[in-house]
Amino acid sequence: MDMIHVDTLAALAHPHRLALFRLLVRRYPDAVPAGELAEALDVRQNTLSAYLSSLRHAGLIEQRRIGRSLLYRVDMNRTAGLLAFLTEDCCRGRPDLCAPRAVHPVEGGKPMPDRTLNVLFICTGNSARSIFAESLLRHIAGDRFTAYSAGTTPYSELNPFAVELLKAKGHDIAPLRAKTVAEFQGPDAPKMDFVFTVCDRAANEACPPWPGQPISAHWGMPDPVKAKGTEAEQRLAFQQAYAGLKNRITAFTALPFDSLDRVSLQRRVDDLARDTETL
């Protein structure tokens, strides 16, 4: 066995390092500060540094510095290389032995089906960002998509600044309410084609895989609910969150769904988190 891959597998052969790697995969394409990783995993900084060093040595993650902060991101090329090695070497290139068992039964390597697609947006409270995303997709795409939103720990009611902004933008707020992700994980729940997390905290949580393995991505946005300052400054934070999500959802609805296979589409929705940051 190639010693490079031995080192890579050894780095993942520890429950806490594996948990760290999984978290960074969920946050991809974000580069995440070390302090946030330590908080999400509830580990000390020196312990986290040891885990990060091991994953970096194995080539699974990248490090970059912005000011005084160190940020970390999964190296997807190296990760893909490890998966290819396992398929080619350990499975002798036999897809009948090593193909994932949970591949979406409809998509496979074909373009998305020609039907209304279900999209779920998740944040923690389901009171602002995910509600914005649900409303925007419904407004921009019409009947091409069915939009939903939910929270990992939803508030009992929607944020009043968010409701005020949606009304001012002409959105119908009648169907909106705070919901828990559990509503979308039962046997009678609608089958999702896309699941997007729009807050870092929700993406940091180790949720179980979604039934049918929908295409997923992290579109993290700053939480306007936590904005401080004057009322005008708080309203500005909601405007900025709304505008950022509008950019991403407009770009998402413009994708050529009828010509992209699952792998290509996954890459495109990941890229939207980066490509729309400067719009």
C-alpha atoms as a PDB file:
ATOM      1  CA  MET A   1       0.000   0.000   0.000  1.00  0.00           C
ATOM      2  CA  ASP A   2       1.228   3.513  -0.860  1.00  0.00           C
ATOM      3  CA  MET A   3       2.732   4.978   2.349  1.00  0.00           C
ATOM      4  CA  ILE A   4       1.114   8.333   1.618  1.00  0.00           C
ATOM      5  CA  HIS A   5      -2.290   6.708   1.856  1.00  0.00           C
ATOM      6  CA  VAL A   6      -1.227   4.781   4.946  1.00  0.00           C
ATOM      7  CA  ASP A   7      -0.476   8.117   6.659  1.00  0.00           C
ATOM      8  CA  THR A   8      -3.780   9.533   5.483  1.00  0.00           C
ATOM      9  CA  LEU A   9      -5.802   6.616   6.804  1.00  0.00           C
ATOM     10  CA  ALA A  10      -3.839   6.672  10.073  1.00  0.00           C
ATOM     11  CA  ALA A  11      -4.728  10.341  10.552  1.00  0.00           C
ATOM     12  CA  LEU A  12      -8.427   9.478  10.282  1.00  0.00           C
ATOM     13  CA  ALA A  13      -8.141   6.420  12.529  1.00  0.00           C
ATOM     14  CA  HIS A  14      -8.935   8.426  15.656  1.00  0.00           C
ATOM     15  CA  PRO A  15     -12.504   9.389  16.618  1.00  0.00           C
ATOM     16  CA  HIS A  16     -11.758  13.017  17.449  1.00  0.00           C
ATOM     17  CA  ARG A  17      -9.623  13.651  14.370  1.00  0.00           C
ATOM     18  CA  LEU A  18     -12.333  12.018  12.272  1.00  0.00           C
ATOM     19  CA  ALA A  19     -14.955  14.261  13.886  1.00  0.00           C
ATOM     20  CA  LEU A  20     -12.820  17.291  13.040  1.00  0.00           C
ATOM     21  CA  PHE A  21     -12.448  16.146   9.442  1.00  0.00           C
ATOM     22  CA  ARG A  22     -16.205  15.569   9.146  1.00  0.00           C
ATOM     23  CA  LEU A  23     -16.901  19.051  10.499  1.00  0.00           C
ATOM     24  CA  LEU A  24     -14.570  20.643   7.953  1.00  0.00           C
ATOM     25  CA  VAL A  25     -16.217  18.648   5.152  1.00  0.00           C
ATOM     26  CA  ARG A  26     -19.621  19.961   6.263  1.00  0.00           C
ATOM     27  CA  ARG A  27     -18.250  23.509   6.254  1.00  0.00           C
ATOM     28  CA  TYR A  28     -16.577  23.188   2.837  1.00  0.00           C
ATOM     29  CA  PRO A  29     -15.759  25.447   1.001  1.00  0.00           C
ATOM     30  CA  ASP A  30     -15.359  27.637   4.098  1.00  0.00           C
ATOM     31  CA  ALA A  31     -11.998  28.135   5.751  1.00  0.00           C
ATOM     32  CA  VAL A  32     -12.832  27.910   9.464  1.00  0.00           C
ATOM     33  CA  PRO A  33     -10.957  29.639  12.328  1.00  0.00           C
ATOM     34  CA  ALA A  34      -9.272  27.336  14.824  1.00  0.00           C
ATOM     35  CA  GLY A  35     -11.174  28.910  17.717  1.00  0.00           C
ATOM     36  CA  GLU A  36     -14.516  28.126  16.134  1.00  0.00           C
ATOM     37  CA  LEU A  37     -13.446  24.525  15.529  1.00  0.00           C
ATOM     38  CA  ALA A  38     -12.409  24.141  19.164  1.00  0.00           C
ATOM     39  CA  GLU A  39     -15.737  25.539  20.346  1.00  0.00           C
ATOM     40  CA  ALA A  40     -17.794  23.351  18.003  1.00  0.00           C
ATOM     41  CA  LEU A  41     -15.939  20.188  19.057  1.00  0.00           C
ATOM     42  CA  ASP A  42     -15.659  21.231  22.732  1.00  0.00           C
ATOM     43  CA  VAL A  43     -11.911  20.578  22.905  1.00  0.00           C
ATOM     44  CA  ARG A  44      -9.001  22.618  24.243  1.00  0.00           C
ATOM     45  CA  GLN A  45      -6.942  24.697  21.829  1.00  0.00           C
ATOM     46  CA  ASN A  46      -3.756  22.688  22.413  1.00  0.00           C
ATOM     47  CA  THR A  47      -5.634  19.428  21.800  1.00  0.00           C
ATOM     48  CA  LEU A  48      -7.184  20.832  18.643  1.00  0.00           C
ATOM     49  CA  SER A  49      -3.757  21.970  17.436  1.00  0.00           C
ATOM     50  CA  ALA A  50      -2.505  18.394  17.693  1.00  0.00           C
ATOM     51  CA  TYR A  51      -5.474  17.102  15.679  1.00  0.00           C
ATOM     52  CA  LEU A  52      -5.021  19.804  13.040  1.00  0.00           C
ATOM     53  CA  SER A  53      -1.309  19.096  12.776  1.00  0.00           C
ATOM     54  CA  SER A  54      -1.982  15.407  12.151  1.00  0.00           C
ATOM     55  CA  LEU A  55      -4.551  16.108   9.439  1.00  0.00           C
ATOM     56  CA  ARG A  56      -2.261  18.682   7.817  1.00  0.00           C
ATOM     57  CA  HIS A  57       0.673  16.248   7.851  1.00  0.00           C
ATOM     58  CA  ALA A  58      -1.553  13.724   6.060  1.00  0.00           C
ATOM     59  CA  GLY A  59      -2.469  16.359   3.464  1.00  0.00           C
ATOM     60  CA  LEU A  60      -6.190  16.234   4.256  1.00  0.00           C
ATOM     61  CA  ILE A  61      -6.575  19.886   5.239  1.00  0.00           C
ATOM     62  CA  GLU A  62      -5.064  23.234   4.284  1.00  0.00           C
ATOM     63  CA  GLN A  63      -4.068  26.110   6.548  1.00  0.00           C
ATOM     64  CA  ARG A  64      -3.946  29.791   5.765  1.00  0.00           C
ATOM     65  CA  ARG A  65      -3.462  32.894   7.859  1.00  0.00           C
ATOM     66  CA  ILE A  66      -5.610  36.010   7.756  1.00  0.00           C
ATOM     67  CA  GLY A  67      -4.244  38.647  10.101  1.00  0.00           C
ATOM     68  CA  ARG A  68      -3.692  36.909  13.432  1.00  0.00           C
ATOM     69  CA  SER A  69      -6.141  34.088  12.718  1.00  0.00           C
ATOM     70  CA  LEU A  70      -5.363  30.618  11.359  1.00  0.00           C
ATOM     71  CA  LEU A  71      -8.079  29.159   9.141  1.00  0.00           C
ATOM     72  CA  TYR A  72      -8.501  25.563   7.992  1.00  0.00           C
ATOM     73  CA  ARG A  73     -10.240  23.952   5.030  1.00  0.00           C
ATOM     74  CA  VAL A  74     -10.484  20.420   3.659  1.00  0.00           C
ATOM     75  CA  ASP A  75      -8.218  19.606   0.729  1.00  0.00           C
ATOM     76  CA  MET A  76     -10.839  18.058  -1.528  1.00  0.00           C
ATOM     77  CA  ASN A  77      -8.307  16.993  -4.163  1.00  0.00           C
ATOM     78  CA  ARG A  78      -6.382  14.924  -1.624  1.00  0.00           C
ATOM     79  CA  THR A  79      -9.616  13.521  -0.207  1.00  0.00           C
ATOM     80  CA  ALA A  80     -10.792  12.528  -3.675  1.00  0.00           C
ATOM     81  CA  GLY A  81      -7.408  10.885  -4.251  1.00  0.00           C
ATOM     82  CA  LEU A  82      -7.849   8.773  -1.120  1.00  0.00           C
ATOM     83  CA  LEU A  83     -11.288   7.616  -2.220  1.00  0.00           C
ATOM     84  CA  ALA A  84      -9.978   6.806  -5.697  1.00  0.00           C
ATOM     85  CA  PHE A  85      -7.123   4.812  -4.152  1.00  0.00           C
ATOM     86  CA  LEU A  86      -9.516   2.767  -2.016  1.00  0.00           C
ATOM     87  CA  THR A  87     -11.676   2.029  -5.047  1.00  0.00           C
ATOM     88  CA  GLU A  88      -8.819   1.125  -7.378  1.00  0.00           C
ATOM     89  CA  ASP A  89      -6.464  -0.638  -4.985  1.00  0.00           C
ATOM     90  CA  CYS A  90      -8.580  -2.204  -2.268  1.00  0.00           C
ATOM     91  CA  CYS A  91     -11.617  -2.915  -4.458  1.00  0.00           C
ATOM     92  CA  ARG A  92      -9.619  -3.610  -7.627  1.00  0.00           C
ATOM     93  CA  GLY A  93     -11.670  -1.017  -9.445  1.00  0.00           C
ATOM     94  CA  ARG A  94     -14.895  -3.017  -9.084  1.00  0.00           C
ATOM     95  CA  PRO A  95     -17.851  -0.633  -8.666  1.00  0.00           C
ATOM     96  CA  ASP A  96     -20.106  -3.582  -7.851  1.00  0.00           C
ATOM     97  CA  LEU A  97     -18.073  -4.060  -4.660  1.00  0.00           C
ATOM     98  CA  CYS A  98     -17.269  -0.518  -3.603  1.00  0.00           C
ATOM     99  CA  ALA A  99     -19.914   1.761  -5.067  1.00  0.00           C
ATOM    100  CA  PRO A 100     -21.641   3.809  -2.357  1.00  0.00           C
ATOM    101  CA  ARG A 101     -24.806   2.125  -1.168  1.00  0.00           C
ATOM    102  CA  ALA A 102     -26.648   5.391  -0.572  1.00  0.00           C
ATOM    103  CA  VAL A 103     -26.456   6.978  -4.022  1.00  0.00           C
ATOM    104  CA  HIS A 104     -29.551   8.973  -4.880  1.00  0.00           C
ATOM    105  CA  PRO A 105     -31.654   6.512  -6.902  1.00  0.00           C
ATOM    106  CA  VAL A 106     -32.866   9.074  -9.400  1.00  0.00           C
ATOM    107  CA  GLU A 107     -29.811  11.115 -10.280  1.00  0.00           C
ATOM    108  CA  GLY A 108     -26.878   8.706 -10.469  1.00  0.00           C
ATOM    109  CA  GLY A 109     -24.623  10.084 -13.188  1.00  0.00           C
ATOM    110  CA  LYS A 110     -27.518  11.702 -15.073  1.00  0.00           C
ATOM    111  CA  PRO A 111     -28.852  15.261 -15.019  1.00  0.00           C
ATOM    112  CA  MET A 112     -31.456  16.188 -12.423  1.00  0.00           C
ATOM    113  CA  PRO A 113     -34.953  14.891 -13.223  1.00  0.00           C
ATOM    114  CA  ASP A 114     -37.362  17.098 -15.122  1.00  0.00           C
ATOM    115  CA  ARG A 115     -39.753  17.800 -12.271  1.00  0.00           C
ATOM    116  CA  THR A 116     -40.280  20.263  -9.450  1.00  0.00           C
ATOM    117  CA  LEU A 117     -37.258  19.988  -7.146  1.00  0.00           C
ATOM    118  CA  ASN A 118     -37.471  20.212  -3.356  1.00  0.00           C
ATOM    119  CA  VAL A 119     -35.003  22.496  -1.567  1.00  0.00           C
ATOM    120  CA  LEU A 120     -34.529  22.815   2.204  1.00  0.00           C
ATOM    121  CA  PHE A 121     -32.662  25.701   3.861  1.00  0.00           C
ATOM    122  CA  ILE A 122     -31.424  25.146   7.420  1.00  0.00           C
ATOM    123  CA  CYS A 123     -30.159  27.506  10.086  1.00  0.00           C
ATOM    124  CA  THR A 124     -30.263  27.370  13.862  1.00  0.00           C
ATOM    125  CA  GLY A 125     -33.300  29.467  14.778  1.00  0.00           C
ATOM    126  CA  ASN A 126     -35.279  29.427  11.487  1.00  0.00           C
ATOM    127  CA  SER A 127     -36.294  32.996  12.189  1.00  0.00           C
ATOM    128  CA  ALA A 128     -34.364  35.022   9.577  1.00  0.00           C
ATOM    129  CA  ARG A 129     -31.730  33.609   7.188  1.00  0.00           C
ATOM    130  CA  SER A 130     -33.403  30.340   6.267  1.00  0.00           C
ATOM    131  CA  ILE A 131     -36.761  32.130   6.110  1.00  0.00           C
ATOM    132  CA  PHE A 132     -35.219  34.670   3.715  1.00  0.00           C
ATOM    133  CA  ALA A 133     -33.870  31.846   1.555  1.00  0.00           C
ATOM    134  CA  GLU A 134     -37.206  30.020   1.469  1.00  0.00           C
ATOM    135  CA  SER A 135     -39.033  33.203   0.479  1.00  0.00           C
ATOM    136  CA  LEU A 136     -36.459  34.210  -2.124  1.00  0.00           C
ATOM    137  CA  LEU A 137     -36.410  30.842  -3.874  1.00  0.00           C
ATOM    138  CA  ARG A 138     -40.213  30.763  -3.971  1.00  0.00           C
ATOM    139  CA  HIS A 139     -40.250  34.285  -5.437  1.00  0.00           C
ATOM    140  CA  ILE A 140     -37.378  33.927  -7.925  1.00  0.00           C
ATOM    141  CA  ALA A 141     -37.991  30.413  -9.253  1.00  0.00           C
ATOM    142  CA  GLY A 142     -41.754  30.118  -9.145  1.00  0.00           C
ATOM    143  CA  ASP A 143     -42.977  26.547  -9.613  1.00  0.00           C
ATOM    144  CA  ARG A 144     -39.578  25.153 -10.675  1.00  0.00           C
ATOM    145  CA  PHE A 145     -38.759  24.479  -7.010  1.00  0.00           C
ATOM    146  CA  THR A 146     -40.640  23.831  -3.803  1.00  0.00           C
ATOM    147  CA  ALA A 147     -38.874  25.756  -1.046  1.00  0.00           C
ATOM    148  CA  TYR A 148     -38.747  24.788   2.629  1.00  0.00           C
ATOM    149  CA  SER A 149     -36.840  26.007   5.681  1.00  0.00           C
ATOM    150  CA  ALA A 150     -36.179  24.676   9.174  1.00  0.00           C
ATOM    151  CA  GLY A 151     -34.051  25.199  12.261  1.00  0.00           C
ATOM    152  CA  THR A 152     -31.965  22.865  14.381  1.00  0.00           C
ATOM    153  CA  THR A 153     -33.273  24.664  17.479  1.00  0.00           C
ATOM    154  CA  PRO A 154     -35.986  26.941  16.067  1.00  0.00           C
ATOM    155  CA  TYR A 155     -37.375  29.977  17.827  1.00  0.00           C
ATOM    156  CA  SER A 156     -41.077  30.038  18.623  1.00  0.00           C
ATOM    157  CA  GLU A 157     -41.681  32.912  16.200  1.00  0.00           C
ATOM    158  CA  LEU A 158     -40.050  34.694  13.280  1.00  0.00           C
ATOM    159  CA  ASN A 159     -37.783  37.658  13.897  1.00  0.00           C
ATOM    160  CA  PRO A 160     -39.822  40.900  13.560  1.00  0.00           C
ATOM    161  CA  PHE A 161     -37.075  42.649  11.560  1.00  0.00           C
ATOM    162  CA  ALA A 162     -37.047  39.718   9.120  1.00  0.00           C
ATOM    163  CA  VAL A 163     -40.834  39.808   8.745  1.00  0.00           C
ATOM    164  CA  GLU A 164     -40.786  43.570   8.245  1.00  0.00           C
ATOM    165  CA  LEU A 165     -38.146  43.280   5.509  1.00  0.00           C
ATOM    166  CA  LEU A 166     -39.955  40.478   3.692  1.00  0.00           C
ATOM    167  CA  LYS A 167     -43.171  42.495   3.695  1.00  0.00           C
ATOM    168  CA  ALA A 168     -41.325  45.534   2.342  1.00  0.00           C
ATOM    169  CA  LYS A 169     -39.864  43.391  -0.474  1.00  0.00           C
ATOM    170  CA  GLY A 170     -43.315  42.147  -1.448  1.00  0.00           C
ATOM    171  CA  HIS A 171     -43.042  38.557  -0.180  1.00  0.00           C
ATOM    172  CA  ASP A 172     -46.071  36.622   1.011  1.00  0.00           C
ATOM    173  CA  ILE A 173     -45.371  35.868   4.656  1.00  0.00           C
ATOM    174  CA  ALA A 174     -48.605  33.940   5.279  1.00  0.00           C
ATOM    175  CA  PRO A 175     -47.064  30.456   4.757  1.00  0.00           C
ATOM    176  CA  LEU A 176     -43.969  31.209   6.855  1.00  0.00           C
ATOM    177  CA  ARG A 177     -43.422  29.767  10.333  1.00  0.00           C
ATOM    178  CA  ALA A 178     -40.517  28.517  12.435  1.00  0.00           C
ATOM    179  CA  LYS A 179     -40.068  24.745  11.976  1.00  0.00           C
ATOM    180  CA  THR A 180     -37.723  22.059  13.273  1.00  0.00           C
ATOM    181  CA  VAL A 181     -35.609  19.877  10.975  1.00  0.00           C
ATOM    182  CA  ALA A 182     -37.388  16.849  12.488  1.00  0.00           C
ATOM    183  CA  GLU A 183     -40.416  17.738  10.341  1.00  0.00           C
ATOM    184  CA  PHE A 184     -38.350  16.904   7.263  1.00  0.00           C
ATOM    185  CA  GLN A 185     -36.675  13.710   8.446  1.00  0.00           C
ATOM    186  CA  GLY A 186     -39.629  11.400   9.023  1.00  0.00           C
ATOM    187  CA  PRO A 187     -40.984   8.749   6.621  1.00  0.00           C
ATOM    188  CA  ASP A 188     -43.806  11.025   5.446  1.00  0.00           C
ATOM    189  CA  ALA A 189     -41.618  14.092   4.882  1.00  0.00           C
ATOM    190  CA  PRO A 190     -41.077  15.389   1.338  1.00  0.00           C
ATOM    191  CA  LYS A 191     -37.993  13.954  -0.324  1.00  0.00           C
ATOM    192  CA  MET A 192     -35.317  16.637  -0.655  1.00  0.00           C
ATOM    193  CA  ASP A 193     -33.205  17.182  -3.764  1.00  0.00           C
ATOM    194  CA  PHE A 194     -31.074  19.929  -2.182  1.00  0.00           C
ATOM    195  CA  VAL A 195     -30.255  20.790   1.434  1.00  0.00           C
ATOM    196  CA  PHE A 196     -28.380  24.016   2.193  1.00  0.00           C
ATOM    197  CA  THR A 197     -27.141  25.194   5.580  1.00  0.00           C
ATOM    198  CA  VAL A 198     -27.086  28.986   5.755  1.00  0.00           C
ATOM    199  CA  CYS A 199     -25.509  29.384   9.192  1.00  0.00           C
ATOM    200  CA  ASP A 200     -22.191  28.086  10.481  1.00  0.00           C
ATOM    201  CA  ARG A 201     -23.607  26.759  13.742  1.00  0.00           C
ATOM    202  CA  ALA A 202     -26.114  24.513  11.957  1.00  0.00           C
ATOM    203  CA  ALA A 203     -23.372  23.232   9.631  1.00  0.00           C
ATOM    204  CA  ASN A 204     -21.151  22.482  12.624  1.00  0.00           C
ATOM    205  CA  GLU A 205     -23.728  20.108  14.072  1.00  0.00           C
ATOM    206  CA  ALA A 206     -23.321  16.430  13.216  1.00  0.00           C
ATOM    207  CA  CYS A 207     -26.746  15.732  11.730  1.00  0.00           C
ATOM    208  CA  PRO A 208     -27.643  12.280  10.382  1.00  0.00           C
ATOM    209  CA  PRO A 209     -27.510  11.796   6.597  1.00  0.00           C
ATOM    210  CA  TRP A 210     -30.638  12.900   4.786  1.00  0.00           C
ATOM    211  CA  PRO A 211     -32.795  10.162   3.232  1.00  0.00           C
ATOM    212  CA  GLY A 212     -31.967   9.774  -0.456  1.00  0.00           C
ATOM    213  CA  GLN A 213     -28.667  11.644  -0.081  1.00  0.00           C
ATOM    214  CA  PRO A 214     -29.712  15.016  -1.574  1.00  0.00           C
ATOM    215  CA  ILE A 215     -27.088  17.384  -2.918  1.00  0.00           C
ATOM    216  CA  SER A 216     -25.986  19.549  -0.008  1.00  0.00           C
ATOM    217  CA  ALA A 217     -23.829  22.617   0.471  1.00  0.00           C
ATOM    218  CA  HIS A 218     -22.939  25.196   3.096  1.00  0.00           C
ATOM    219  CA  TRP A 219     -23.890  28.781   2.282  1.00  0.00           C
ATOM    220  CA  GLY A 220     -22.964  30.367   5.597  1.00  0.00           C
ATOM    221  CA  MET A 221     -24.140  33.930   6.227  1.00  0.00           C
ATOM    222  CA  PRO A 222     -23.571  36.176   9.286  1.00  0.00           C
ATOM    223  CA  ASP A 223     -26.510  36.037  11.687  1.00  0.00           C
ATOM    224  CA  PRO A 224     -28.391  39.361  11.500  1.00  0.00           C
ATOM    225  CA  VAL A 225     -30.287  38.475  14.687  1.00  0.00           C
ATOM    226  CA  LYS A 226     -27.022  38.928  16.614  1.00  0.00           C
ATOM    227  CA  ALA A 227     -26.319  42.365  15.147  1.00  0.00           C
ATOM    228  CA  LYS A 228     -25.669  45.094  17.732  1.00  0.00           C
ATOM    229  CA  GLY A 229     -25.976  48.841  17.601  1.00  0.00           C
ATOM    230  CA  THR A 230     -28.796  51.175  16.717  1.00  0.00           C
ATOM    231  CA  GLU A 231     -32.063  50.012  15.211  1.00  0.00           C
ATOM    232  CA  ALA A 232     -30.876  51.289  11.839  1.00  0.00           C
ATOM    233  CA  GLU A 233     -27.664  49.271  12.126  1.00  0.00           C
ATOM    234  CA  GLN A 234     -29.626  46.149  13.020  1.00  0.00           C
ATOM    235  CA  ARG A 235     -31.936  46.624  10.044  1.00  0.00           C
ATOM    236  CA  LEU A 236     -28.869  47.003   7.833  1.00  0.00           C
ATOM    237  CA  ALA A 237     -27.618  43.583   8.970  1.00  0.00           C
ATOM    238  CA  PHE A 238     -30.905  42.027   7.857  1.00  0.00           C
ATOM    239  CA  GLN A 239     -30.701  43.860   4.518  1.00  0.00           C
ATOM    240  CA  GLN A 240     -27.184  42.507   3.962  1.00  0.00           C
ATOM    241  CA  ALA A 241     -28.195  38.927   4.792  1.00  0.00           C
ATOM    242  CA  TYR A 242     -31.173  39.186   2.451  1.00  0.00           C
ATOM    243  CA  ALA A 243     -29.027  40.620  -0.365  1.00  0.00           C
ATOM    244  CA  GLY A 244     -26.323  37.968   0.045  1.00  0.00           C
ATOM    245  CA  LEU A 245     -28.844  35.141  -0.093  1.00  0.00           C
ATOM    246  CA  LYS A 246     -30.584  36.732  -3.059  1.00  0.00           C
ATOM    247  CA  ASN A 247     -27.288  36.707  -4.983  1.00  0.00           C
ATOM    248  CA  ARG A 248     -26.706  33.022  -4.269  1.00  0.00           C
ATOM    249  CA  ILE A 249     -30.249  31.904  -4.979  1.00  0.00           C
ATOM    250  CA  THR A 250     -30.403  33.888  -8.209  1.00  0.00           C
ATOM    251  CA  ALA A 251     -27.173  32.177  -9.324  1.00  0.00           C
ATOM    252  CA  PHE A 252     -28.494  28.796  -8.142  1.00  0.00           C
ATOM    253  CA  THR A 253     -31.708  29.049 -10.157  1.00  0.00           C
ATOM    254  CA  ALA A 254     -29.685  29.996 -13.258  1.00  0.00           C
ATOM    255  CA  LEU A 255     -27.709  26.725 -13.231  1.00  0.00           C
ATOM    256  CA  PRO A 256     -28.308  24.406 -16.223  1.00  0.00           C
ATOM    257  CA  PHE A 257     -29.920  21.602 -14.213  1.00  0.00           C
ATOM    258  CA  ASP A 258     -30.945  19.699 -17.336  1.00  0.00           C
ATOM    259  CA  SER A 259     -27.332  19.252 -18.464  1.00  0.00           C
ATOM    260  CA  LEU A 260     -25.343  18.805 -15.232  1.00  0.00           C
ATOM    261  CA  ASP A 261     -24.773  15.395 -13.681  1.00  0.00           C
ATOM    262  CA  ARG A 262     -24.780  15.010  -9.891  1.00  0.00           C
ATOM    263  CA  VAL A 263     -21.023  15.439  -9.462  1.00  0.00           C
ATOM    264  CA  SER A 264     -20.898  18.571 -11.625  1.00  0.00           C
ATOM    265  CA  LEU A 265     -23.946  20.033  -9.927  1.00  0.00           C
ATOM    266  CA  GLN A 266     -22.463  19.426  -6.486  1.00  0.00           C
ATOM    267  CA  ARG A 267     -19.316  21.279  -7.537  1.00  0.00           C
ATOM    268  CA  ARG A 268     -21.341  24.194  -8.863  1.00  0.00           C
ATOM    269  CA  VAL A 269     -23.435  24.661  -5.717  1.00  0.00           C
ATOM    270  CA  ASP A 270     -20.253  24.518  -3.615  1.00  0.00           C
ATOM    271  CA  ASP A 271     -18.693  27.189  -5.805  1.00  0.00           C
ATOM    272  CA  LEU A 272     -21.688  29.502  -5.396  1.00  0.00           C
ATOM    273  CA  ALA A 273     -20.705  30.140  -1.782  1.00  0.00           C
ATOM    274  CA  ARG A 274     -17.423  31.633  -3.032  1.00  0.00           C
ATOM    275  CA  ASP A 275     -18.462  33.131  -6.351  1.00  0.00           C
ATOM    276  CA  THR A 276     -21.294  35.242  -4.923  1.00  0.00           C
ATOM    277  CA  GLU A 277     -19.348  36.690  -1.991  1.00  0.00           C
ATOM    278  CA  THR A 278     -18.239  39.694  -4.018  1.00  0.00           C
ATOM    279  CA  LEU A 279     -21.450  40.257  -5.965  1.00  0.00           C
END
